[in-house]
Protein backbone atom coordinates (compact mmCIF):
# COMPACT_ATOMS: atom_id res chain seq x y z
CA MET A 1 93.15 -142.95 -170.37
CA LEU A 2 92.91 -142.68 -166.59
CA GLN A 3 95.21 -145.66 -166.11
CA ASP A 4 97.78 -144.14 -168.45
CA ALA A 5 97.61 -140.82 -166.58
CA VAL A 6 98.07 -142.51 -163.21
CA GLU A 7 100.98 -144.60 -164.46
CA ARG A 8 102.58 -141.50 -165.98
CA ASN A 9 102.36 -139.70 -162.65
CA LEU A 10 103.92 -142.70 -160.90
CA GLU A 11 106.73 -142.56 -163.46
CA ILE A 12 107.28 -138.88 -162.66
CA ILE A 13 107.30 -139.54 -158.91
CA GLY A 14 109.81 -142.36 -159.38
CA GLU A 15 112.07 -140.25 -161.56
CA ALA A 16 111.95 -137.38 -159.08
CA MET A 17 112.80 -139.78 -156.26
CA SER A 18 115.74 -141.17 -158.19
CA LYS A 19 117.15 -137.69 -158.84
CA LEU A 20 116.51 -136.57 -155.26
CA LEU A 21 118.38 -139.55 -153.83
CA LYS A 22 121.36 -138.82 -156.08
CA ILE A 23 121.50 -135.20 -154.92
CA HIS A 24 120.60 -135.79 -151.24
CA PRO A 25 121.17 -139.44 -150.31
CA GLU A 26 120.67 -138.60 -146.63
CA ILE A 27 116.96 -137.87 -147.16
CA SER A 28 114.83 -140.50 -145.50
CA ILE A 29 111.73 -141.45 -147.48
CA SER A 30 110.06 -144.79 -146.79
CA ASN A 31 110.25 -147.22 -149.67
CA SER A 32 112.30 -144.84 -151.81
CA GLY A 33 113.99 -147.76 -153.53
CA ARG A 34 110.67 -149.41 -154.25
CA ILE A 35 109.35 -146.15 -155.70
CA VAL A 36 112.27 -146.02 -158.13
CA ASP A 37 111.83 -149.73 -158.92
CA ALA A 38 108.12 -149.20 -159.69
CA ARG A 39 109.05 -146.38 -162.06
CA ASN A 40 111.51 -148.62 -163.87
CA LYS A 41 108.97 -151.42 -164.07
CA ILE A 42 106.35 -149.11 -165.59
CA ILE A 43 108.74 -147.38 -168.01
CA HIS A 44 110.64 -150.41 -169.22
CA GLY A 45 107.80 -152.89 -169.00
CA TYR A 46 109.81 -155.55 -167.17
CA ASP A 47 106.55 -157.09 -166.09
CA GLU A 48 103.04 -156.22 -166.98
CA ILE A 49 101.63 -153.86 -164.36
CA GLU A 50 98.23 -154.89 -163.10
CA ASN A 51 95.54 -152.42 -162.10
CA VAL A 52 95.39 -153.99 -158.64
CA GLN A 53 99.06 -153.14 -158.09
CA VAL A 54 98.57 -149.55 -159.18
CA TRP A 55 95.49 -149.18 -156.98
CA GLU A 56 97.41 -150.59 -154.00
CA VAL A 57 100.11 -147.97 -154.47
CA ILE A 58 97.52 -145.20 -154.64
CA ILE A 59 95.61 -146.31 -151.56
CA ASN A 60 98.37 -147.69 -149.33
CA HIS A 61 101.54 -145.81 -150.21
CA LEU A 62 100.86 -142.39 -151.72
CA PRO A 63 99.29 -140.89 -148.56
CA ARG A 64 102.39 -141.77 -146.53
CA LEU A 65 104.72 -140.50 -149.26
CA LYS A 66 102.79 -137.23 -149.36
CA LYS A 67 103.22 -136.73 -145.60
CA GLU A 68 106.92 -137.51 -145.75
CA VAL A 69 107.55 -135.17 -148.68
CA GLU A 70 105.58 -132.36 -147.02
CA ARG A 71 108.08 -132.45 -144.13
CA TYR A 72 110.78 -131.34 -146.56
CA LEU A 73 108.80 -128.63 -148.33
């Protein structure tokens, strides 16, 4: 259940990033393309997502994304 919840939140973040980039392409967010790609991978199941990959995103990438997004809020 926890894994599903985390993956769902990553899907939401990726979808929001996709829409944001369409509206404001000048916004500079690190790895924005990779965020959208991860969303597509989770949603469409191109490859099986491993827990290690999800954990890496949580630990290594979400803190930076949070700081970058807070600049715009």
